[in-house]
Structures are given as C-alpha cells and as structure tokens.
C-alpha cells in the first residue's frame, strides 16, 4: 500500500514538474491604453545634461544608423531626442525562414542628473519567403500578438514572436541604460579643494 501511494505521488510530482505550464516563462509587456509602451525616469547623480545628451545621441547613432540619418535636423535641442529604432529577427514557419522587422519611436527627455525615455508606436512587418513566391510582406501588430499570447500560451507563431520581441527589446533597453550610467570617474568627482 505504501509503495503504491509513494509511486502515485512520484507520478503526480513528475507530471507537475514536466507540465508545460511549469516551464513556461510568464512575460509581461507594459501596456498603456492597450498599446505597448516602455517608459521610465532614471536619476543619475553627478552627470550633466550635456553628457547625457552626448551619450544618448551616440547610442542611437551607433545602434540605429540607417533609421536616423536625419538625426541632427530633427533634434535641434539638447534636452529632447526623438529617434527611430528597430528590431529584426528570424522566425521559422513550417518550411520557411521568415524575417520579422519591428520599428518603433524613441523619445528621450534629458535633465540635469536625470533622463526619461518612452518607447512606443511599434509597427511590424513579416517578410515571408517561400519556394512558390518571392518576398511578401504582411503587417503584424505586437499588441494583437500579445493579446493572443495571453489567451493561449502554446507554441504558435505569435507566441514565438512575442517572446523574441520581449527578449530583444529588453536587451536594447539594458544596453541604453548601461550607456547612460555614470562612469567611476563621474561617480566620485573631486572638487578643487580636495586635490
């Protein structure tokens, strides 16, 4: 009797450990008015507005050079940056390797010792390659994909697309915030009376 009970408990625990829900990663996209919007205000002590502007400009022009060719004409002030960003990744369909490109807007407000960013207006295209047709583009909407993902978390095209989007956008945000962080020289600035 004890062995049967132990065996059934072992089977139940194995089922719960190996179930798809136990391994599925719960991810949340920040939503405002049913749109995906990443925004934050970050305070950095000892960093001037000019330094923050130079770092943000350098990161944008290094990361997205093709999308921001007219950066100097559109950004005429040193306290506001508006730019374009994009994500590109491949997605395997039954027999085809498709390309997904998602473009978005970047809005950065710069202050003394602080900056606020907002990333929104995500629009995407799915470029399908198949043996029967040349490249064809279909519009995709990350908000629709995310709502479908919340309804059904099984492995489908939109689920893979949402997970890849989540991974890449967070990598870009981490990269941006790392560039904007103060260096060790700026963290411990010495005044003339301490030298």
C-alpha atoms as a PDB file:
ATOM      1  CA  UNK A   1       0.000   0.000   0.000  1.00  0.00           C
ATOM      2  CA  UNK A   2       2.775   2.397   0.899  1.00  0.00           C
ATOM      3  CA  UNK A   3       4.629   1.639  -2.295  1.00  0.00           C
ATOM      4  CA  UNK A   4       1.536   2.371  -4.406  1.00  0.00           C
ATOM      5  CA  UNK A   5       0.974   5.650  -2.591  1.00  0.00           C
ATOM      6  CA  UNK A   6       4.615   6.594  -2.981  1.00  0.00           C
ATOM      7  CA  UNK A   7       4.549   5.629  -6.649  1.00  0.00           C
ATOM      8  CA  UNK A   8       1.393   7.672  -7.323  1.00  0.00           C
ATOM      9  CA  UNK A   9       2.863  10.703  -5.520  1.00  0.00           C
ATOM     10  CA  UNK A  10       6.018  10.344  -7.565  1.00  0.00           C
ATOM     11  CA  UNK A  11       3.993  10.179 -10.786  1.00  0.00           C
ATOM     12  CA  UNK A  12       1.946  13.245  -9.825  1.00  0.00           C
ATOM     13  CA  UNK A  13       5.031  15.255  -8.935  1.00  0.00           C
ATOM     14  CA  UNK A  14       6.708  14.226 -12.194  1.00  0.00           C
ATOM     15  CA  UNK A  15       3.609  15.339 -14.112  1.00  0.00           C
ATOM     16  CA  UNK A  16       3.575  18.773 -12.458  1.00  0.00           C
ATOM     17  CA  UNK A  17       7.296  19.274 -12.956  1.00  0.00           C
ATOM     18  CA  UNK A  18       7.196  18.312 -16.615  1.00  0.00           C
ATOM     19  CA  UNK A  19       3.961  20.085 -17.481  1.00  0.00           C
ATOM     20  CA  UNK A  20       4.253  22.936 -19.999  1.00  0.00           C
ATOM     21  CA  UNK A  21       2.862  25.475 -17.540  1.00  0.00           C
ATOM     22  CA  UNK A  22       5.661  24.785 -15.070  1.00  0.00           C
ATOM     23  CA  UNK A  23       8.310  25.541 -17.694  1.00  0.00           C
ATOM     24  CA  UNK A  24       6.546  28.365 -19.472  1.00  0.00           C
ATOM     25  CA  UNK A  25       8.019  31.724 -18.700  1.00  0.00           C
ATOM     26  CA  UNK A  26       5.422  34.301 -17.795  1.00  0.00           C
ATOM     27  CA  UNK A  27       6.273  37.533 -19.505  1.00  0.00           C
ATOM     28  CA  UNK A  28       4.504  40.842 -19.267  1.00  0.00           C
ATOM     29  CA  UNK A  29       4.673  43.715 -21.690  1.00  0.00           C
ATOM     30  CA  UNK A  30       3.985  47.180 -20.267  1.00  0.00           C
ATOM     31  CA  UNK A  31       0.620  48.340 -21.616  1.00  0.00           C
ATOM     32  CA  UNK A  32      -0.904  51.834 -21.608  1.00  0.00           C
ATOM     33  CA  UNK A  33      -4.304  52.314 -23.257  1.00  0.00           C
ATOM     34  CA  UNK A  34      -3.965  48.874 -24.907  1.00  0.00           C
ATOM     35  CA  UNK A  35      -0.640  49.824 -26.535  1.00  0.00           C
ATOM     36  CA  UNK A  36       2.830  48.544 -25.671  1.00  0.00           C
ATOM     37  CA  UNK A  37       4.804  51.415 -24.110  1.00  0.00           C
ATOM     38  CA  UNK A  38       8.166  51.199 -22.375  1.00  0.00           C
ATOM     39  CA  UNK A  39       8.833  54.281 -20.239  1.00  0.00           C
ATOM     40  CA  UNK A  40      10.937  55.139 -17.243  1.00  0.00           C
ATOM     41  CA  UNK A  41      12.608  58.045 -15.473  1.00  0.00           C
ATOM     42  CA  UNK A  42      16.173  57.396 -14.323  1.00  0.00           C
ATOM     43  CA  UNK A  43      18.153  59.571 -11.918  1.00  0.00           C
ATOM     44  CA  UNK A  44      21.943  59.599 -12.332  1.00  0.00           C
ATOM     45  CA  UNK A  45      23.882  61.673  -9.819  1.00  0.00           C
ATOM     46  CA  UNK A  46      26.773  63.793 -10.986  1.00  0.00           C
ATOM     47  CA  UNK A  47      26.066  63.648 -14.734  1.00  0.00           C
ATOM     48  CA  UNK A  48      25.258  66.831 -16.618  1.00  0.00           C
ATOM     49  CA  UNK A  49      22.524  67.192 -19.200  1.00  0.00           C
ATOM     50  CA  UNK A  50      25.126  67.742 -21.952  1.00  0.00           C
ATOM     51  CA  UNK A  51      26.877  64.483 -21.071  1.00  0.00           C
ATOM     52  CA  UNK A  52      23.577  62.580 -21.040  1.00  0.00           C
ATOM     53  CA  UNK A  53      22.660  64.098 -24.420  1.00  0.00           C
ATOM     54  CA  UNK A  54      26.018  63.093 -25.924  1.00  0.00           C
ATOM     55  CA  UNK A  55      25.677  59.529 -24.608  1.00  0.00           C
ATOM     56  CA  UNK A  56      22.096  59.125 -25.814  1.00  0.00           C
ATOM     57  CA  UNK A  57      22.954  60.554 -29.242  1.00  0.00           C
ATOM     58  CA  UNK A  58      25.992  58.285 -29.558  1.00  0.00           C
ATOM     59  CA  UNK A  59      23.957  55.195 -28.577  1.00  0.00           C
ATOM     60  CA  UNK A  60      21.172  55.979 -31.049  1.00  0.00           C
ATOM     61  CA  UNK A  61      23.521  56.712 -33.951  1.00  0.00           C
ATOM     62  CA  UNK A  62      25.613  53.620 -33.181  1.00  0.00           C
ATOM     63  CA  UNK A  63      22.671  51.257 -32.693  1.00  0.00           C
ATOM     64  CA  UNK A  64      20.304  52.570 -35.406  1.00  0.00           C
ATOM     65  CA  UNK A  65      22.404  54.420 -38.035  1.00  0.00           C
ATOM     66  CA  UNK A  66      20.165  53.669 -41.033  1.00  0.00           C
ATOM     67  CA  UNK A  67      16.945  54.754 -39.320  1.00  0.00           C
ATOM     68  CA  UNK A  68      18.364  58.055 -38.033  1.00  0.00           C
ATOM     69  CA  UNK A  69      20.178  59.600 -40.994  1.00  0.00           C
ATOM     70  CA  UNK A  70      18.439  62.933 -40.348  1.00  0.00           C
ATOM     71  CA  UNK A  71      19.151  62.914 -36.607  1.00  0.00           C
ATOM     72  CA  UNK A  72      20.695  66.417 -36.461  1.00  0.00           C
ATOM     73  CA  UNK A  73      17.827  68.042 -38.371  1.00  0.00           C
ATOM     74  CA  UNK A  74      15.069  66.523 -36.224  1.00  0.00           C
ATOM     75  CA  UNK A  75      16.795  67.103 -32.861  1.00  0.00           C
ATOM     76  CA  UNK A  76      17.553  70.797 -32.573  1.00  0.00           C
ATOM     77  CA  UNK A  77      17.504  70.994 -28.783  1.00  0.00           C
ATOM     78  CA  UNK A  78      19.840  69.458 -26.213  1.00  0.00           C
ATOM     79  CA  UNK A  79      17.051  68.406 -23.844  1.00  0.00           C
ATOM     80  CA  UNK A  80      14.894  66.274 -26.155  1.00  0.00           C
ATOM     81  CA  UNK A  81      15.767  63.442 -28.526  1.00  0.00           C
ATOM     82  CA  UNK A  82      13.300  61.842 -30.919  1.00  0.00           C
ATOM     83  CA  UNK A  83      14.550  58.926 -32.971  1.00  0.00           C
ATOM     84  CA  UNK A  84      13.550  55.664 -34.609  1.00  0.00           C
ATOM     85  CA  UNK A  85      14.517  52.189 -33.529  1.00  0.00           C
ATOM     86  CA  UNK A  86      14.004  48.713 -34.907  1.00  0.00           C
ATOM     87  CA  UNK A  87      14.214  45.033 -34.093  1.00  0.00           C
ATOM     88  CA  UNK A  88      14.893  42.318 -36.625  1.00  0.00           C
ATOM     89  CA  UNK A  89      14.773  38.589 -36.081  1.00  0.00           C
ATOM     90  CA  UNK A  90      14.070  35.390 -37.982  1.00  0.00           C
ATOM     91  CA  UNK A  91      11.128  33.121 -37.345  1.00  0.00           C
ATOM     92  CA  UNK A  92      10.801  29.597 -38.659  1.00  0.00           C
ATOM     93  CA  UNK A  93       7.499  28.723 -40.264  1.00  0.00           C
ATOM     94  CA  UNK A  94       6.680  25.138 -41.295  1.00  0.00           C
ATOM     95  CA  UNK A  95       9.166  25.092 -44.164  1.00  0.00           C
ATOM     96  CA  UNK A  96      10.207  28.730 -44.490  1.00  0.00           C
ATOM     97  CA  UNK A  97      12.526  31.038 -42.602  1.00  0.00           C
ATOM     98  CA  UNK A  98      10.687  34.352 -42.295  1.00  0.00           C
ATOM     99  CA  UNK A  99      12.060  37.712 -41.216  1.00  0.00           C
ATOM    100  CA  UNK A 100      10.254  39.955 -38.739  1.00  0.00           C
ATOM    101  CA  UNK A 101      11.087  43.667 -38.599  1.00  0.00           C
ATOM    102  CA  UNK A 102       9.509  45.840 -35.909  1.00  0.00           C
ATOM    103  CA  UNK A 103      10.024  49.603 -35.989  1.00  0.00           C
ATOM    104  CA  UNK A 104       9.278  51.970 -33.121  1.00  0.00           C
ATOM    105  CA  UNK A 105       9.690  55.545 -31.857  1.00  0.00           C
ATOM    106  CA  UNK A 106      12.151  56.619 -29.167  1.00  0.00           C
ATOM    107  CA  UNK A 107      11.502  59.773 -27.141  1.00  0.00           C
ATOM    108  CA  UNK A 108      14.134  60.850 -24.575  1.00  0.00           C
ATOM    109  CA  UNK A 109      13.826  63.892 -22.283  1.00  0.00           C
ATOM    110  CA  UNK A 110      17.120  64.981 -20.725  1.00  0.00           C
ATOM    111  CA  UNK A 111      17.577  66.919 -17.483  1.00  0.00           C
ATOM    112  CA  UNK A 112      20.429  67.665 -15.111  1.00  0.00           C
ATOM    113  CA  UNK A 113      21.177  64.355 -13.346  1.00  0.00           C
ATOM    114  CA  UNK A 114      18.158  62.558 -14.894  1.00  0.00           C
ATOM    115  CA  UNK A 115      16.598  61.315 -18.112  1.00  0.00           C
ATOM    116  CA  UNK A 116      13.188  59.967 -19.050  1.00  0.00           C
ATOM    117  CA  UNK A 117      12.582  57.713 -22.025  1.00  0.00           C
ATOM    118  CA  UNK A 118       9.488  56.460 -23.776  1.00  0.00           C
ATOM    119  CA  UNK A 119       9.488  53.784 -26.466  1.00  0.00           C
ATOM    120  CA  UNK A 120       6.195  53.252 -28.275  1.00  0.00           C
ATOM    121  CA  UNK A 121       4.364  53.083 -31.619  1.00  0.00           C
ATOM    122  CA  UNK A 122       5.523  49.599 -32.500  1.00  0.00           C
ATOM    123  CA  UNK A 123       4.742  48.586 -36.059  1.00  0.00           C
ATOM    124  CA  UNK A 124       5.954  45.443 -37.717  1.00  0.00           C
ATOM    125  CA  UNK A 125       6.191  43.520 -40.940  1.00  0.00           C
ATOM    126  CA  UNK A 126       6.566  39.823 -41.509  1.00  0.00           C
ATOM    127  CA  UNK A 127       8.573  39.071 -44.646  1.00  0.00           C
ATOM    128  CA  UNK A 128       7.683  35.593 -45.833  1.00  0.00           C
ATOM    129  CA  UNK A 129       9.952  33.642 -48.100  1.00  0.00           C
ATOM    130  CA  UNK A 130       8.657  30.507 -49.696  1.00  0.00           C
ATOM    131  CA  UNK A 131       9.578  28.325 -52.601  1.00  0.00           C
ATOM    132  CA  UNK A 132       6.481  29.433 -54.502  1.00  0.00           C
ATOM    133  CA  UNK A 133       6.583  33.198 -54.053  1.00  0.00           C
ATOM    134  CA  UNK A 134       9.170  35.884 -53.689  1.00  0.00           C
ATOM    135  CA  UNK A 135       9.326  38.001 -50.553  1.00  0.00           C
ATOM    136  CA  UNK A 136       5.917  39.159 -49.460  1.00  0.00           C
ATOM    137  CA  UNK A 137       5.250  41.420 -46.506  1.00  0.00           C
ATOM    138  CA  UNK A 138       2.381  41.148 -44.077  1.00  0.00           C
ATOM    139  CA  UNK A 139       1.660  43.691 -41.364  1.00  0.00           C
ATOM    140  CA  UNK A 140       1.900  42.443 -37.801  1.00  0.00           C
ATOM    141  CA  UNK A 141       0.747  44.121 -34.630  1.00  0.00           C
ATOM    142  CA  UNK A 142       2.637  43.357 -31.429  1.00  0.00           C
ATOM    143  CA  UNK A 143      -0.391  44.317 -29.305  1.00  0.00           C
ATOM    144  CA  UNK A 144      -2.581  41.746 -31.100  1.00  0.00           C
ATOM    145  CA  UNK A 145       0.147  39.130 -30.822  1.00  0.00           C
ATOM    146  CA  UNK A 146       0.456  39.839 -27.105  1.00  0.00           C
ATOM    147  CA  UNK A 147      -3.296  39.556 -26.501  1.00  0.00           C
ATOM    148  CA  UNK A 148      -3.321  36.249 -28.420  1.00  0.00           C
ATOM    149  CA  UNK A 149      -0.352  35.108 -26.341  1.00  0.00           C
ATOM    150  CA  UNK A 150      -2.245  35.886 -23.120  1.00  0.00           C
ATOM    151  CA  UNK A 151      -5.237  33.851 -24.317  1.00  0.00           C
ATOM    152  CA  UNK A 152      -3.203  30.835 -25.384  1.00  0.00           C
ATOM    153  CA  UNK A 153       0.425  30.319 -24.372  1.00  0.00           C
ATOM    154  CA  UNK A 154       1.016  27.279 -26.545  1.00  0.00           C
ATOM    155  CA  UNK A 155       3.883  27.419 -29.009  1.00  0.00           C
ATOM    156  CA  UNK A 156       2.495  29.262 -32.012  1.00  0.00           C
ATOM    157  CA  UNK A 157       3.780  31.919 -34.378  1.00  0.00           C
ATOM    158  CA  UNK A 158       2.562  34.827 -32.271  1.00  0.00           C
ATOM    159  CA  UNK A 159       3.883  33.238 -29.069  1.00  0.00           C
ATOM    160  CA  UNK A 160       7.360  32.873 -30.559  1.00  0.00           C
ATOM    161  CA  UNK A 161       7.141  36.410 -31.950  1.00  0.00           C
ATOM    162  CA  UNK A 162       6.137  37.915 -28.580  1.00  0.00           C
ATOM    163  CA  UNK A 163       8.892  36.053 -26.722  1.00  0.00           C
ATOM    164  CA  UNK A 164      11.541  37.115 -29.238  1.00  0.00           C
ATOM    165  CA  UNK A 165      10.276  40.722 -29.157  1.00  0.00           C
ATOM    166  CA  UNK A 166      10.378  40.721 -25.344  1.00  0.00           C
ATOM    167  CA  UNK A 167      13.929  39.374 -25.307  1.00  0.00           C
ATOM    168  CA  UNK A 168      15.309  41.806 -27.899  1.00  0.00           C
ATOM    169  CA  UNK A 169      13.599  44.968 -26.639  1.00  0.00           C
ATOM    170  CA  UNK A 170      14.857  44.277 -23.113  1.00  0.00           C
ATOM    171  CA  UNK A 171      18.392  43.759 -24.455  1.00  0.00           C
ATOM    172  CA  UNK A 172      18.203  47.122 -26.202  1.00  0.00           C
ATOM    173  CA  UNK A 173      16.866  48.850 -23.066  1.00  0.00           C
ATOM    174  CA  UNK A 174      19.611  47.290 -20.935  1.00  0.00           C
ATOM    175  CA  UNK A 175      22.202  48.456 -23.464  1.00  0.00           C
ATOM    176  CA  UNK A 176      20.785  52.001 -23.429  1.00  0.00           C
ATOM    177  CA  UNK A 177      20.654  52.205 -19.629  1.00  0.00           C
ATOM    178  CA  UNK A 178      24.227  50.845 -19.370  1.00  0.00           C
ATOM    179  CA  UNK A 179      25.484  53.592 -21.700  1.00  0.00           C
ATOM    180  CA  UNK A 180      23.680  56.265 -19.685  1.00  0.00           C
ATOM    181  CA  UNK A 181      25.086  55.096 -16.310  1.00  0.00           C
ATOM    182  CA  UNK A 182      27.803  57.261 -14.742  1.00  0.00           C
ATOM    183  CA  UNK A 183      31.377  56.056 -15.050  1.00  0.00           C
ATOM    184  CA  UNK A 184      33.516  55.603 -11.948  1.00  0.00           C
ATOM    185  CA  UNK A 185      35.206  58.988 -12.575  1.00  0.00           C
ATOM    186  CA  UNK A 186      31.833  60.752 -12.561  1.00  0.00           C
ATOM    187  CA  UNK A 187      30.568  58.936  -9.507  1.00  0.00           C
ATOM    188  CA  UNK A 188      33.326  60.274  -7.310  1.00  0.00           C
ATOM    189  CA  UNK A 189      34.093  63.690  -8.703  1.00  0.00           C
ATOM    190  CA  UNK A 190      36.616  65.604  -6.673  1.00  0.00           C
ATOM    191  CA  UNK A 191      36.350  69.280  -6.079  1.00  0.00           C
ATOM    192  CA  UNK A 192      39.371  71.607  -6.378  1.00  0.00           C
ATOM    193  CA  UNK A 193      39.671  71.837  -2.578  1.00  0.00           C
ATOM    194  CA  UNK A 194      40.250  68.051  -2.307  1.00  0.00           C
ATOM    195  CA  UNK A 195      43.165  67.804  -4.723  1.00  0.00           C
END
